[in-house]
Amino acid sequence: NYFGDGGSADVSQQRRTSSSLIIDETLMILHPKLRDITDMIHEKASALLPDAEWSSPGKLPPPGKFVFEQLQVARYEKGQHFLLHEDGFPVEMAKMNRFQRRATILVYLNEVASAG
């Protein structure tokens, strides 16, 4: 479930140096406490975007339907980054994919001393 760019000799030039994973059903079976956290995030996201539904993995949303993708968790160690990017797809890719990402919800799972 982990992914990232990796492989480049010059870390500062990599698009992403953090590690990420998708929280899927298999992961929740292996780590049952994730289900409660995932359910809470689903509930709060649904309150923010009440017309959206959670999509089925690997299935395209129906035309014109607003759906959430599976949850993705990113971990950043000190000095790691994800360079400036947009979560939405370029127009041509969105046409090929037959859907567009319209919103991103960020949830921070750690406490920080100050903003910024």
PDB file of N, CA and C in Angstrom:
ATOM      1  N   ASN A   1       0.798  -1.203   0.000  1.00  0.00           N
ATOM      2  CA  ASN A   1       0.000   0.000   0.000  1.00  0.00           C
ATOM      3  C   ASN A   1       0.843   1.271   0.000  1.00  0.00           C
ATOM      4  N   TYR A   2       2.128   1.193   0.259  1.00  0.00           N
ATOM      5  CA  TYR A   2       2.968   2.384   0.308  1.00  0.00           C
ATOM      6  C   TYR A   2       3.360   2.808  -1.093  1.00  0.00           C
ATOM      7  N   PHE A   3       3.447   4.115  -1.314  1.00  0.00           N
ATOM      8  CA  PHE A   3       3.929   4.597  -2.591  1.00  0.00           C
ATOM      9  C   PHE A   3       4.592   5.944  -2.410  1.00  0.00           C
ATOM     10  N   GLY A   4       5.341   6.371  -3.406  1.00  0.00           N
ATOM     11  CA  GLY A   4       6.053   7.637  -3.414  1.00  0.00           C
ATOM     12  C   GLY A   4       6.890   7.665  -4.675  1.00  0.00           C
ATOM     13  N   ASP A   5       7.606   8.741  -4.915  1.00  0.00           N
ATOM     14  CA  ASP A   5       8.402   8.811  -6.132  1.00  0.00           C
ATOM     15  C   ASP A   5       9.666   7.968  -6.035  1.00  0.00           C
ATOM     16  N   GLY A   6      10.423   8.145  -4.951  1.00  0.00           N
ATOM     17  CA  GLY A   6      11.642   7.357  -4.745  1.00  0.00           C
ATOM     18  C   GLY A   6      12.556   7.311  -5.956  1.00  0.00           C
ATOM     19  N   GLY A   7      13.688   6.691  -5.807  1.00  0.00           N
ATOM     20  CA  GLY A   7      14.558   6.367  -6.922  1.00  0.00           C
ATOM     21  C   GLY A   7      15.528   7.444  -7.368  1.00  0.00           C
ATOM     22  N   SER A   8      15.242   8.713  -7.193  1.00  0.00           N
ATOM     23  CA  SER A   8      16.119   9.763  -7.660  1.00  0.00           C
ATOM     24  C   SER A   8      17.299   9.920  -6.703  1.00  0.00           C
ATOM     25  N   ALA A   9      18.479  10.108  -7.271  1.00  0.00           N
ATOM     26  CA  ALA A   9      19.676  10.273  -6.452  1.00  0.00           C
ATOM     27  C   ALA A   9      19.632  11.611  -5.702  1.00  0.00           C
ATOM     28  N   ASP A  10      19.034  12.643  -6.311  1.00  0.00           N
ATOM     29  CA  ASP A  10      18.960  13.966  -5.705  1.00  0.00           C
ATOM     30  C   ASP A  10      17.591  14.143  -5.051  1.00  0.00           C
ATOM     31  N   VAL A  11      17.525  13.918  -3.740  1.00  0.00           N
ATOM     32  CA  VAL A  11      16.266  13.951  -3.004  1.00  0.00           C
ATOM     33  C   VAL A  11      15.564  15.295  -3.155  1.00  0.00           C
ATOM     34  N   SER A  12      16.308  16.406  -3.221  1.00  0.00           N
ATOM     35  CA  SER A  12      15.683  17.733  -3.303  1.00  0.00           C
ATOM     36  C   SER A  12      14.905  17.904  -4.608  1.00  0.00           C
ATOM     37  N   GLN A  13      15.201  17.106  -5.616  1.00  0.00           N
ATOM     38  CA  GLN A  13      14.513  17.207  -6.904  1.00  0.00           C
ATOM     39  C   GLN A  13      13.321  16.268  -7.024  1.00  0.00           C
ATOM     40  N   GLN A  14      13.143  15.363  -6.073  1.00  0.00           N
ATOM     41  CA  GLN A  14      12.001  14.462  -6.126  1.00  0.00           C
ATOM     42  C   GLN A  14      10.723  15.237  -5.847  1.00  0.00           C
ATOM     43  N   ARG A  15       9.660  14.868  -6.517  1.00  0.00           N
ATOM     44  CA  ARG A  15       8.370  15.530  -6.306  1.00  0.00           C
ATOM     45  C   ARG A  15       7.859  15.268  -4.901  1.00  0.00           C
ATOM     46  N   ARG A  16       8.013  14.034  -4.442  1.00  0.00           N
ATOM     47  CA  ARG A  16       7.521  13.636  -3.125  1.00  0.00           C
ATOM     48  C   ARG A  16       8.605  12.807  -2.431  1.00  0.00           C
ATOM     49  N   THR A  17       8.923  13.194  -1.196  1.00  0.00           N
ATOM     50  CA  THR A  17       9.866  12.395  -0.416  1.00  0.00           C
ATOM     51  C   THR A  17       9.185  11.763   0.784  1.00  0.00           C
ATOM     52  N   SER A  18       7.914  12.098   0.993  1.00  0.00           N
ATOM     53  CA  SER A  18       7.137  11.497   2.078  1.00  0.00           C
ATOM     54  C   SER A  18       6.697  10.098   1.664  1.00  0.00           C
ATOM     55  N   SER A  19       6.147   9.350   2.596  1.00  0.00           N
ATOM     56  CA  SER A  19       5.574   8.046   2.267  1.00  0.00           C
ATOM     57  C   SER A  19       4.074   8.113   2.498  1.00  0.00           C
ATOM     58  N   SER A  20       3.330   7.335   1.742  1.00  0.00           N
ATOM     59  CA  SER A  20       1.876   7.377   1.806  1.00  0.00           C
ATOM     60  C   SER A  20       1.293   5.979   1.726  1.00  0.00           C
ATOM     61  N   LEU A  21       0.052   5.863   2.165  1.00  0.00           N
ATOM     62  CA  LEU A  21      -0.676   4.614   1.980  1.00  0.00           C
ATOM     63  C   LEU A  21      -2.154   4.908   1.854  1.00  0.00           C
ATOM     64  N   ILE A  22      -2.846   4.003   1.209  1.00  0.00           N
ATOM     65  CA  ILE A  22      -4.295   4.080   1.078  1.00  0.00           C
ATOM     66  C   ILE A  22      -4.897   3.206   2.172  1.00  0.00           C
ATOM     67  N   ILE A  23      -5.877   3.739   2.894  1.00  0.00           N
ATOM     68  CA  ILE A  23      -6.549   2.928   3.912  1.00  0.00           C
ATOM     69  C   ILE A  23      -7.665   2.161   3.215  1.00  0.00           C
ATOM     70  N   ASP A  24      -7.412   0.878   2.987  1.00  0.00           N
ATOM     71  CA  ASP A  24      -8.401   0.034   2.327  1.00  0.00           C
ATOM     72  C   ASP A  24      -8.941  -1.012   3.307  1.00  0.00           C
ATOM     73  N   GLU A  25      -9.854  -1.813   2.840  1.00  0.00           N
ATOM     74  CA  GLU A  25     -10.502  -2.806   3.694  1.00  0.00           C
ATOM     75  C   GLU A  25      -9.492  -3.782   4.295  1.00  0.00           C
ATOM     76  N   THR A  26      -8.523  -4.219   3.516  1.00  0.00           N
ATOM     77  CA  THR A  26      -7.503  -5.160   4.000  1.00  0.00           C
ATOM     78  C   THR A  26      -6.730  -4.555   5.165  1.00  0.00           C
ATOM     79  N   LEU A  27      -6.342  -3.299   5.037  1.00  0.00           N
ATOM     80  CA  LEU A  27      -5.590  -2.627   6.096  1.00  0.00           C
ATOM     81  C   LEU A  27      -6.431  -2.503   7.365  1.00  0.00           C
ATOM     82  N   MET A  28      -7.725  -2.219   7.203  1.00  0.00           N
ATOM     83  CA  MET A  28      -8.586  -2.097   8.379  1.00  0.00           C
ATOM     84  C   MET A  28      -8.814  -3.448   9.058  1.00  0.00           C
ATOM     85  N   ILE A  29      -8.795  -4.521   8.306  1.00  0.00           N
ATOM     86  CA  ILE A  29      -8.898  -5.861   8.906  1.00  0.00           C
ATOM     87  C   ILE A  29      -7.636  -6.161   9.701  1.00  0.00           C
ATOM     88  N   LEU A  30      -6.485  -5.790   9.148  1.00  0.00           N
ATOM     89  CA  LEU A  30      -5.206  -6.020   9.837  1.00  0.00           C
ATOM     90  C   LEU A  30      -5.047  -5.134  11.071  1.00  0.00           C
ATOM     91  N   HIS A  31      -5.643  -3.938  11.034  1.00  0.00           N
ATOM     92  CA  HIS A  31      -5.528  -2.963  12.131  1.00  0.00           C
ATOM     93  C   HIS A  31      -6.926  -2.452  12.475  1.00  0.00           C
ATOM     94  N   PRO A  32      -7.683  -3.212  13.260  1.00  0.00           N
ATOM     95  CA  PRO A  32      -9.097  -2.895  13.525  1.00  0.00           C
ATOM     96  C   PRO A  32      -9.364  -1.502  14.100  1.00  0.00           C
ATOM     97  N   LYS A  33      -8.435  -0.912  14.825  1.00  0.00           N
ATOM     98  CA  LYS A  33      -8.648   0.426  15.389  1.00  0.00           C
ATOM     99  C   LYS A  33      -8.785   1.488  14.300  1.00  0.00           C
ATOM    100  N   LEU A  34      -8.258   1.190  13.113  1.00  0.00           N
ATOM    101  CA  LEU A  34      -8.380   2.133  11.998  1.00  0.00           C
ATOM    102  C   LEU A  34      -9.831   2.348  11.594  1.00  0.00           C
ATOM    103  N   ARG A  35     -10.674   1.342  11.775  1.00  0.00           N
ATOM    104  CA  ARG A  35     -12.069   1.456  11.343  1.00  0.00           C
ATOM    105  C   ARG A  35     -12.769   2.603  12.064  1.00  0.00           C
ATOM    106  N   ASP A  36     -12.596   2.717  13.377  1.00  0.00           N
ATOM    107  CA  ASP A  36     -13.238   3.801  14.129  1.00  0.00           C
ATOM    108  C   ASP A  36     -12.759   5.164  13.644  1.00  0.00           C
ATOM    109  N   ILE A  37     -11.457   5.286  13.430  1.00  0.00           N
ATOM    110  CA  ILE A  37     -10.888   6.557  12.962  1.00  0.00           C
ATOM    111  C   ILE A  37     -11.404   6.870  11.564  1.00  0.00           C
ATOM    112  N   THR A  38     -11.405   5.869  10.694  1.00  0.00           N
ATOM    113  CA  THR A  38     -11.885   6.046   9.332  1.00  0.00           C
ATOM    114  C   THR A  38     -13.358   6.439   9.325  1.00  0.00           C
ATOM    115  N   ASP A  39     -14.157   5.773  10.141  1.00  0.00           N
ATOM    116  CA  ASP A  39     -15.584   6.108  10.226  1.00  0.00           C
ATOM    117  C   ASP A  39     -15.785   7.545  10.684  1.00  0.00           C
ATOM    118  N   MET A  40     -14.986   7.994  11.667  1.00  0.00           N
ATOM    119  CA  MET A  40     -15.099   9.358  12.161  1.00  0.00           C
ATOM    120  C   MET A  40     -14.755  10.363  11.049  1.00  0.00           C
ATOM    121  N   ILE A  41     -13.690  10.094  10.300  1.00  0.00           N
ATOM    122  CA  ILE A  41     -13.290  10.993   9.210  1.00  0.00           C
ATOM    123  C   ILE A  41     -14.358  10.993   8.126  1.00  0.00           C
ATOM    124  N   HIS A  42     -14.903   9.822   7.794  1.00  0.00           N
ATOM    125  CA  HIS A  42     -15.987   9.746   6.807  1.00  0.00           C
ATOM    126  C   HIS A  42     -17.176  10.602   7.245  1.00  0.00           C
ATOM    127  N   GLU A  43     -17.529  10.486   8.505  1.00  0.00           N
ATOM    128  CA  GLU A  43     -18.674  11.229   9.051  1.00  0.00           C
ATOM    129  C   GLU A  43     -18.453  12.737   8.948  1.00  0.00           C
ATOM    130  N   LYS A  44     -17.264  13.189   9.354  1.00  0.00           N
ATOM    131  CA  LYS A  44     -16.967  14.623   9.333  1.00  0.00           C
ATOM    132  C   LYS A  44     -16.877  15.153   7.901  1.00  0.00           C
ATOM    133  N   ALA A  45     -16.271  14.371   7.003  1.00  0.00           N
ATOM    134  CA  ALA A  45     -16.180  14.787   5.598  1.00  0.00           C
ATOM    135  C   ALA A  45     -17.570  14.860   4.978  1.00  0.00           C
ATOM    136  N   SER A  46     -18.423  13.908   5.310  1.00  0.00           N
ATOM    137  CA  SER A  46     -19.791  13.913   4.788  1.00  0.00           C
ATOM    138  C   SER A  46     -20.577  15.117   5.293  1.00  0.00           C
ATOM    139  N   ALA A  47     -20.286  15.565   6.514  1.00  0.00           N
ATOM    140  CA  ALA A  47     -20.945  16.756   7.047  1.00  0.00           C
ATOM    141  C   ALA A  47     -20.494  18.003   6.276  1.00  0.00           C
ATOM    142  N   LEU A  48     -19.232  18.041   5.857  1.00  0.00           N
ATOM    143  CA  LEU A  48     -18.715  19.180   5.090  1.00  0.00           C
ATOM    144  C   LEU A  48     -19.270  19.194   3.670  1.00  0.00           C
ATOM    145  N   LEU A  49     -19.404  18.027   3.080  1.00  0.00           N
ATOM    146  CA  LEU A  49     -19.859  17.894   1.690  1.00  0.00           C
ATOM    147  C   LEU A  49     -21.016  16.901   1.657  1.00  0.00           C
ATOM    148  N   PRO A  50     -22.199  17.328   2.096  1.00  0.00           N
ATOM    149  CA  PRO A  50     -23.313  16.395   2.293  1.00  0.00           C
ATOM    150  C   PRO A  50     -23.837  15.725   1.028  1.00  0.00           C
ATOM    151  N   ASP A  51     -23.573  16.278  -0.141  1.00  0.00           N
ATOM    152  CA  ASP A  51     -24.057  15.657  -1.381  1.00  0.00           C
ATOM    153  C   ASP A  51     -23.125  14.576  -1.908  1.00  0.00           C
ATOM    154  N   ALA A  52     -21.972  14.400  -1.266  1.00  0.00           N
ATOM    155  CA  ALA A  52     -20.991  13.414  -1.726  1.00  0.00           C
ATOM    156  C   ALA A  52     -21.224  12.075  -1.039  1.00  0.00           C
ATOM    157  N   GLU A  53     -20.796  11.021  -1.720  1.00  0.00           N
ATOM    158  CA  GLU A  53     -20.858   9.668  -1.172  1.00  0.00           C
ATOM    159  C   GLU A  53     -19.455   9.073  -1.251  1.00  0.00           C
ATOM    160  N   TRP A  54     -19.227   8.017  -0.487  1.00  0.00           N
ATOM    161  CA  TRP A  54     -17.934   7.324  -0.560  1.00  0.00           C
ATOM    162  C   TRP A  54     -17.979   6.353  -1.723  1.00  0.00           C
ATOM    163  N   SER A  55     -16.954   6.432  -2.579  1.00  0.00           N
ATOM    164  CA  SER A  55     -16.933   5.600  -3.782  1.00  0.00           C
ATOM    165  C   SER A  55     -16.481   4.185  -3.468  1.00  0.00           C
ATOM    166  N   SER A  56     -16.828   3.290  -4.370  1.00  0.00           N
ATOM    167  CA  SER A  56     -16.331   1.918  -4.283  1.00  0.00           C
ATOM    168  C   SER A  56     -14.964   1.880  -4.931  1.00  0.00           C
ATOM    169  N   PRO A  57     -13.974   1.255  -4.278  1.00  0.00           N
ATOM    170  CA  PRO A  57     -12.623   1.202  -4.854  1.00  0.00           C
ATOM    171  C   PRO A  57     -12.627   0.600  -6.254  1.00  0.00           C
ATOM    172  N   GLY A  58     -11.913   1.268  -7.153  1.00  0.00           N
ATOM    173  CA  GLY A  58     -11.756   0.751  -8.509  1.00  0.00           C
ATOM    174  C   GLY A  58     -12.941   0.989  -9.426  1.00  0.00           C
ATOM    175  N   LYS A  59     -13.957   1.716  -8.955  1.00  0.00           N
ATOM    176  CA  LYS A  59     -15.134   1.977  -9.793  1.00  0.00           C
ATOM    177  C   LYS A  59     -15.243   3.463 -10.074  1.00  0.00           C
ATOM    178  N   LEU A  60     -15.592   3.793 -11.312  1.00  0.00           N
ATOM    179  CA  LEU A  60     -15.802   5.189 -11.677  1.00  0.00           C
ATOM    180  C   LEU A  60     -17.087   5.703 -11.045  1.00  0.00           C
ATOM    181  N   PRO A  61     -17.083   6.946 -10.603  1.00  0.00           N
ATOM    182  CA  PRO A  61     -18.337   7.511 -10.095  1.00  0.00           C
ATOM    183  C   PRO A  61     -19.308   7.711 -11.255  1.00  0.00           C
ATOM    184  N   PRO A  62     -20.604   7.656 -10.980  1.00  0.00           N
ATOM    185  CA  PRO A  62     -21.583   7.939 -12.039  1.00  0.00           C
ATOM    186  C   PRO A  62     -21.404   9.372 -12.549  1.00  0.00           C
ATOM    187  N   PRO A  63     -21.703   9.627 -13.817  1.00  0.00           N
ATOM    188  CA  PRO A  63     -21.559  10.994 -14.360  1.00  0.00           C
ATOM    189  C   PRO A  63     -22.306  12.015 -13.508  1.00  0.00           C
ATOM    190  N   GLY A  64     -21.616  13.111 -13.196  1.00  0.00           N
ATOM    191  CA  GLY A  64     -22.220  14.196 -12.434  1.00  0.00           C
ATOM    192  C   GLY A  64     -22.325  13.947 -10.938  1.00  0.00           C
ATOM    193  N   LYS A  65     -21.889  12.791 -10.465  1.00  0.00           N
ATOM    194  CA  LYS A  65     -21.976  12.447  -9.041  1.00  0.00           C
ATOM    195  C   LYS A  65     -20.701  12.878  -8.332  1.00  0.00           C
ATOM    196  N   PHE A  66     -20.842  13.455  -7.158  1.00  0.00           N
ATOM    197  CA  PHE A  66     -19.711  13.899  -6.347  1.00  0.00           C
ATOM    198  C   PHE A  66     -19.408  12.807  -5.333  1.00  0.00           C
ATOM    199  N   VAL A  67     -18.224  12.196  -5.424  1.00  0.00           N
ATOM    200  CA  VAL A  67     -17.873  11.093  -4.519  1.00  0.00           C
ATOM    201  C   VAL A  67     -16.502  11.327  -3.889  1.00  0.00           C
ATOM    202  N   PHE A  68     -16.302  10.698  -2.728  1.00  0.00           N
ATOM    203  CA  PHE A  68     -15.008  10.708  -2.063  1.00  0.00           C
ATOM    204  C   PHE A  68     -14.197   9.506  -2.536  1.00  0.00           C
ATOM    205  N   GLU A  69     -12.876   9.681  -2.648  1.00  0.00           N
ATOM    206  CA  GLU A  69     -11.980   8.558  -2.905  1.00  0.00           C
ATOM    207  C   GLU A  69     -11.631   7.897  -1.571  1.00  0.00           C
ATOM    208  N   GLN A  70     -10.905   6.780  -1.643  1.00  0.00           N
ATOM    209  CA  GLN A  70     -10.437   6.144  -0.409  1.00  0.00           C
ATOM    210  C   GLN A  70      -9.501   7.101   0.323  1.00  0.00           C
ATOM    211  N   LEU A  71      -9.452   6.954   1.642  1.00  0.00           N
ATOM    212  CA  LEU A  71      -8.566   7.798   2.438  1.00  0.00           C
ATOM    213  C   LEU A  71      -7.110   7.465   2.140  1.00  0.00           C
ATOM    214  N   GLN A  72      -6.309   8.503   2.072  1.00  0.00           N
ATOM    215  CA  GLN A  72      -4.868   8.352   1.872  1.00  0.00           C
ATOM    216  C   GLN A  72      -4.178   9.035   3.047  1.00  0.00           C
ATOM    217  N   VAL A  73      -3.195   8.381   3.616  1.00  0.00           N
ATOM    218  CA  VAL A  73      -2.440   8.935   4.736  1.00  0.00           C
ATOM    219  C   VAL A  73      -1.007   9.165   4.272  1.00  0.00           C
ATOM    220  N   ALA A  74      -0.501  10.359   4.530  1.00  0.00           N
ATOM    221  CA  ALA A  74       0.886  10.691   4.184  1.00  0.00           C
ATOM    222  C   ALA A  74       1.669  10.911   5.475  1.00  0.00           C
ATOM    223  N   ARG A  75       2.899  10.474   5.455  1.00  0.00           N
ATOM    224  CA  ARG A  75       3.779  10.681   6.610  1.00  0.00           C
ATOM    225  C   ARG A  75       5.003  11.478   6.155  1.00  0.00           C
ATOM    226  N   TYR A  76       5.266  12.536   6.901  1.00  0.00           N
ATOM    227  CA  TYR A  76       6.405  13.395   6.609  1.00  0.00           C
ATOM    228  C   TYR A  76       7.378  13.345   7.770  1.00  0.00           C
ATOM    229  N   GLU A  77       8.561  12.870   7.514  1.00  0.00           N
ATOM    230  CA  GLU A  77       9.639  12.952   8.491  1.00  0.00           C
ATOM    231  C   GLU A  77      10.275  14.333   8.344  1.00  0.00           C
ATOM    232  N   LYS A  78      11.043  14.747   9.322  1.00  0.00           N
ATOM    233  CA  LYS A  78      11.697  16.048   9.269  1.00  0.00           C
ATOM    234  C   LYS A  78      12.476  16.178   7.956  1.00  0.00           C
ATOM    235  N   GLY A  79      12.238  17.284   7.247  1.00  0.00           N
ATOM    236  CA  GLY A  79      12.942  17.562   5.994  1.00  0.00           C
ATOM    237  C   GLY A  79      12.272  16.979   4.757  1.00  0.00           C
ATOM    238  N   GLN A  80      11.251  16.152   4.913  1.00  0.00           N
ATOM    239  CA  GLN A  80      10.570  15.597   3.750  1.00  0.00           C
ATOM    240  C   GLN A  80       9.564  16.589   3.191  1.00  0.00           C
ATOM    241  N   HIS A  81       9.164  16.359   1.937  1.00  0.00           N
ATOM    242  CA  HIS A  81       8.260  17.304   1.289  1.00  0.00           C
ATOM    243  C   HIS A  81       7.415  16.618   0.219  1.00  0.00           C
ATOM    244  N   PHE A  82       6.424  17.350  -0.244  1.00  0.00           N
ATOM    245  CA  PHE A  82       5.651  17.028  -1.433  1.00  0.00           C
ATOM    246  C   PHE A  82       5.589  18.358  -2.169  1.00  0.00           C
ATOM    247  N   LEU A  83       6.322  18.483  -3.271  1.00  0.00           N
ATOM    248  CA  LEU A  83       6.432  19.760  -3.964  1.00  0.00           C
ATOM    249  C   LEU A  83       5.062  20.289  -4.398  1.00  0.00           C
ATOM    250  N   LEU A  84       5.016  21.582  -4.661  1.00  0.00           N
ATOM    251  CA  LEU A  84       3.798  22.246  -5.097  1.00  0.00           C
ATOM    252  C   LEU A  84       3.123  21.438  -6.196  1.00  0.00           C
ATOM    253  N   HIS A  85       1.834  21.190  -6.018  1.00  0.00           N
ATOM    254  CA  HIS A  85       1.068  20.410  -6.986  1.00  0.00           C
ATOM    255  C   HIS A  85      -0.412  20.694  -6.800  1.00  0.00           C
ATOM    256  N   GLU A  86      -1.197  20.274  -7.761  1.00  0.00           N
ATOM    257  CA  GLU A  86      -2.647  20.350  -7.657  1.00  0.00           C
ATOM    258  C   GLU A  86      -3.171  18.931  -7.556  1.00  0.00           C
ATOM    259  N   ASP A  87      -4.185  18.722  -6.734  1.00  0.00           N
ATOM    260  CA  ASP A  87      -4.773  17.387  -6.625  1.00  0.00           C
ATOM    261  C   ASP A  87      -5.724  17.097  -7.778  1.00  0.00           C
ATOM    262  N   GLY A  88      -6.278  18.147  -8.379  1.00  0.00           N
ATOM    263  CA  GLY A  88      -7.134  17.967  -9.555  1.00  0.00           C
ATOM    264  C   GLY A  88      -6.296  17.555 -10.749  1.00  0.00           C
ATOM    265  N   PHE A  89      -6.921  16.862 -11.679  1.00  0.00           N
ATOM    266  CA  PHE A  89      -6.225  16.397 -12.878  1.00  0.00           C
ATOM    267  C   PHE A  89      -6.223  17.486 -13.945  1.00  0.00           C
ATOM    268  N   PRO A  90      -5.176  17.525 -14.798  1.00  0.00           N
ATOM    269  CA  PRO A  90      -5.236  18.407 -15.963  1.00  0.00           C
ATOM    270  C   PRO A  90      -6.470  18.026 -16.794  1.00  0.00           C
ATOM    271  N   VAL A  91      -7.024  18.978 -17.529  1.00  0.00           N
ATOM    272  CA  VAL A  91      -8.289  18.780 -18.246  1.00  0.00           C
ATOM    273  C   VAL A  91      -8.275  17.516 -19.105  1.00  0.00           C
ATOM    274  N   GLU A  92      -7.228  17.324 -19.888  1.00  0.00           N
ATOM    275  CA  GLU A  92      -7.187  16.155 -20.787  1.00  0.00           C
ATOM    276  C   GLU A  92      -7.167  14.841 -20.001  1.00  0.00           C
ATOM    277  N   MET A  93      -6.444  14.810 -18.875  1.00  0.00           N
ATOM    278  CA  MET A  93      -6.402  13.594 -18.065  1.00  0.00           C
ATOM    279  C   MET A  93      -7.764  13.344 -17.421  1.00  0.00           C
ATOM    280  N   ALA A  94      -8.426  14.413 -16.986  1.00  0.00           N
ATOM    281  CA  ALA A  94      -9.761  14.266 -16.396  1.00  0.00           C
ATOM    282  C   ALA A  94     -10.729  13.682 -17.428  1.00  0.00           C
ATOM    283  N   LYS A  95     -10.603  14.112 -18.674  1.00  0.00           N
ATOM    284  CA  LYS A  95     -11.460  13.554 -19.727  1.00  0.00           C
ATOM    285  C   LYS A  95     -11.175  12.071 -19.921  1.00  0.00           C
ATOM    286  N   MET A  96      -9.886  11.704 -19.934  1.00  0.00           N
ATOM    287  CA  MET A  96      -9.519  10.285 -20.088  1.00  0.00           C
ATOM    288  C   MET A  96     -10.001   9.472 -18.887  1.00  0.00           C
ATOM    289  N   ASN A  97      -9.834  10.014 -17.672  1.00  0.00           N
ATOM    290  CA  ASN A  97     -10.244   9.319 -16.446  1.00  0.00           C
ATOM    291  C   ASN A  97     -11.764   9.276 -16.294  1.00  0.00           C
ATOM    292  N   ARG A  98     -12.448  10.218 -16.938  1.00  0.00           N
ATOM    293  CA  ARG A  98     -13.903  10.401 -16.854  1.00  0.00           C
ATOM    294  C   ARG A  98     -14.350  10.874 -15.478  1.00  0.00           C
ATOM    295  N   PHE A  99     -13.445  11.515 -14.748  1.00  0.00           N
ATOM    296  CA  PHE A  99     -13.828  12.191 -13.510  1.00  0.00           C
ATOM    297  C   PHE A  99     -12.744  13.193 -13.148  1.00  0.00           C
ATOM    298  N   GLN A 100     -13.100  14.129 -12.268  1.00  0.00           N
ATOM    299  CA  GLN A 100     -12.171  15.164 -11.830  1.00  0.00           C
ATOM    300  C   GLN A 100     -12.217  15.254 -10.308  1.00  0.00           C
ATOM    301  N   ARG A 101     -11.071  15.472  -9.730  1.00  0.00           N
ATOM    302  CA  ARG A 101     -11.017  15.738  -8.290  1.00  0.00           C
ATOM    303  C   ARG A 101     -11.405  17.201  -8.085  1.00  0.00           C
ATOM    304  N   ARG A 102     -12.382  17.436  -7.223  1.00  0.00           N
ATOM    305  CA  ARG A 102     -12.898  18.793  -7.026  1.00  0.00           C
ATOM    306  C   ARG A 102     -12.546  19.386  -5.672  1.00  0.00           C
ATOM    307  N   ALA A 103     -12.188  18.541  -4.717  1.00  0.00           N
ATOM    308  CA  ALA A 103     -11.885  19.042  -3.375  1.00  0.00           C
ATOM    309  C   ALA A 103     -10.910  18.087  -2.693  1.00  0.00           C
ATOM    310  N   THR A 104     -10.122  18.628  -1.801  1.00  0.00           N
ATOM    311  CA  THR A 104      -9.210  17.837  -0.970  1.00  0.00           C
ATOM    312  C   THR A 104      -9.457  18.235   0.471  1.00  0.00           C
ATOM    313  N   ILE A 105      -9.591  17.246   1.324  1.00  0.00           N
ATOM    314  CA  ILE A 105      -9.757  17.511   2.756  1.00  0.00           C
ATOM    315  C   ILE A 105      -8.498  17.026   3.451  1.00  0.00           C
ATOM    316  N   LEU A 106      -7.837  17.926   4.171  1.00  0.00           N
ATOM    317  CA  LEU A 106      -6.634  17.566   4.918  1.00  0.00           C
ATOM    318  C   LEU A 106      -6.975  17.418   6.394  1.00  0.00           C
ATOM    319  N   VAL A 107      -6.506  16.355   6.988  1.00  0.00           N
ATOM    320  CA  VAL A 107      -6.679  16.110   8.418  1.00  0.00           C
ATOM    321  C   VAL A 107      -5.285  15.874   8.987  1.00  0.00           C
ATOM    322  N   TYR A 108      -4.882  16.682   9.958  1.00  0.00           N
ATOM    323  CA  TYR A 108      -3.569  16.514  10.575  1.00  0.00           C
ATOM    324  C   TYR A 108      -3.710  15.593  11.784  1.00  0.00           C
ATOM    325  N   LEU A 109      -2.889  14.566  11.823  1.00  0.00           N
ATOM    326  CA  LEU A 109      -2.996  13.558  12.870  1.00  0.00           C
ATOM    327  C   LEU A 109      -1.997  13.763  13.995  1.00  0.00           C
ATOM    328  N   ASN A 110      -1.287  14.855  13.961  1.00  0.00           N
ATOM    329  CA  ASN A 110      -0.351  15.144  15.044  1.00  0.00           C
ATOM    330  C   ASN A 110      -0.614  16.545  15.588  1.00  0.00           C
ATOM    331  N   GLU A 111      -0.103  16.796  16.761  1.00  0.00           N
ATOM    332  CA  GLU A 111      -0.220  18.128  17.336  1.00  0.00           C
ATOM    333  C   GLU A 111       1.048  18.910  16.988  1.00  0.00           C
ATOM    334  N   VAL A 112       0.882  20.172  16.691  1.00  0.00           N
ATOM    335  CA  VAL A 112       2.033  21.011  16.355  1.00  0.00           C
ATOM    336  C   VAL A 112       2.123  22.150  17.357  1.00  0.00           C
ATOM    337  N   ALA A 113       3.338  22.611  17.578  1.00  0.00           N
ATOM    338  CA  ALA A 113       3.567  23.690  18.548  1.00  0.00           C
ATOM    339  C   ALA A 113       3.004  25.017  18.047  1.00  0.00           C
ATOM    340  N   SER A 114       3.099  25.260  16.731  1.00  0.00           N
ATOM    341  CA  SER A 114       2.571  26.490  16.143  1.00  0.00           C
ATOM    342  C   SER A 114       2.232  26.246  14.696  1.00  0.00           C
ATOM    343  N   ALA A 115       1.400  27.108  14.164  1.00  0.00           N
ATOM    344  CA  ALA A 115       0.999  26.983  12.755  1.00  0.00           C
ATOM    345  C   ALA A 115       2.146  27.374  11.846  1.00  0.00           C
ATOM    346  N   GLY A 116       2.053  26.964  10.596  1.00  0.00           N
ATOM    347  CA  GLY A 116       3.049  27.381   9.630  1.00  0.00           C
ATOM    348  C   GLY A 116       3.697  26.264   9.028  1.00  0.00           C
TER     349      GLY A 116
END
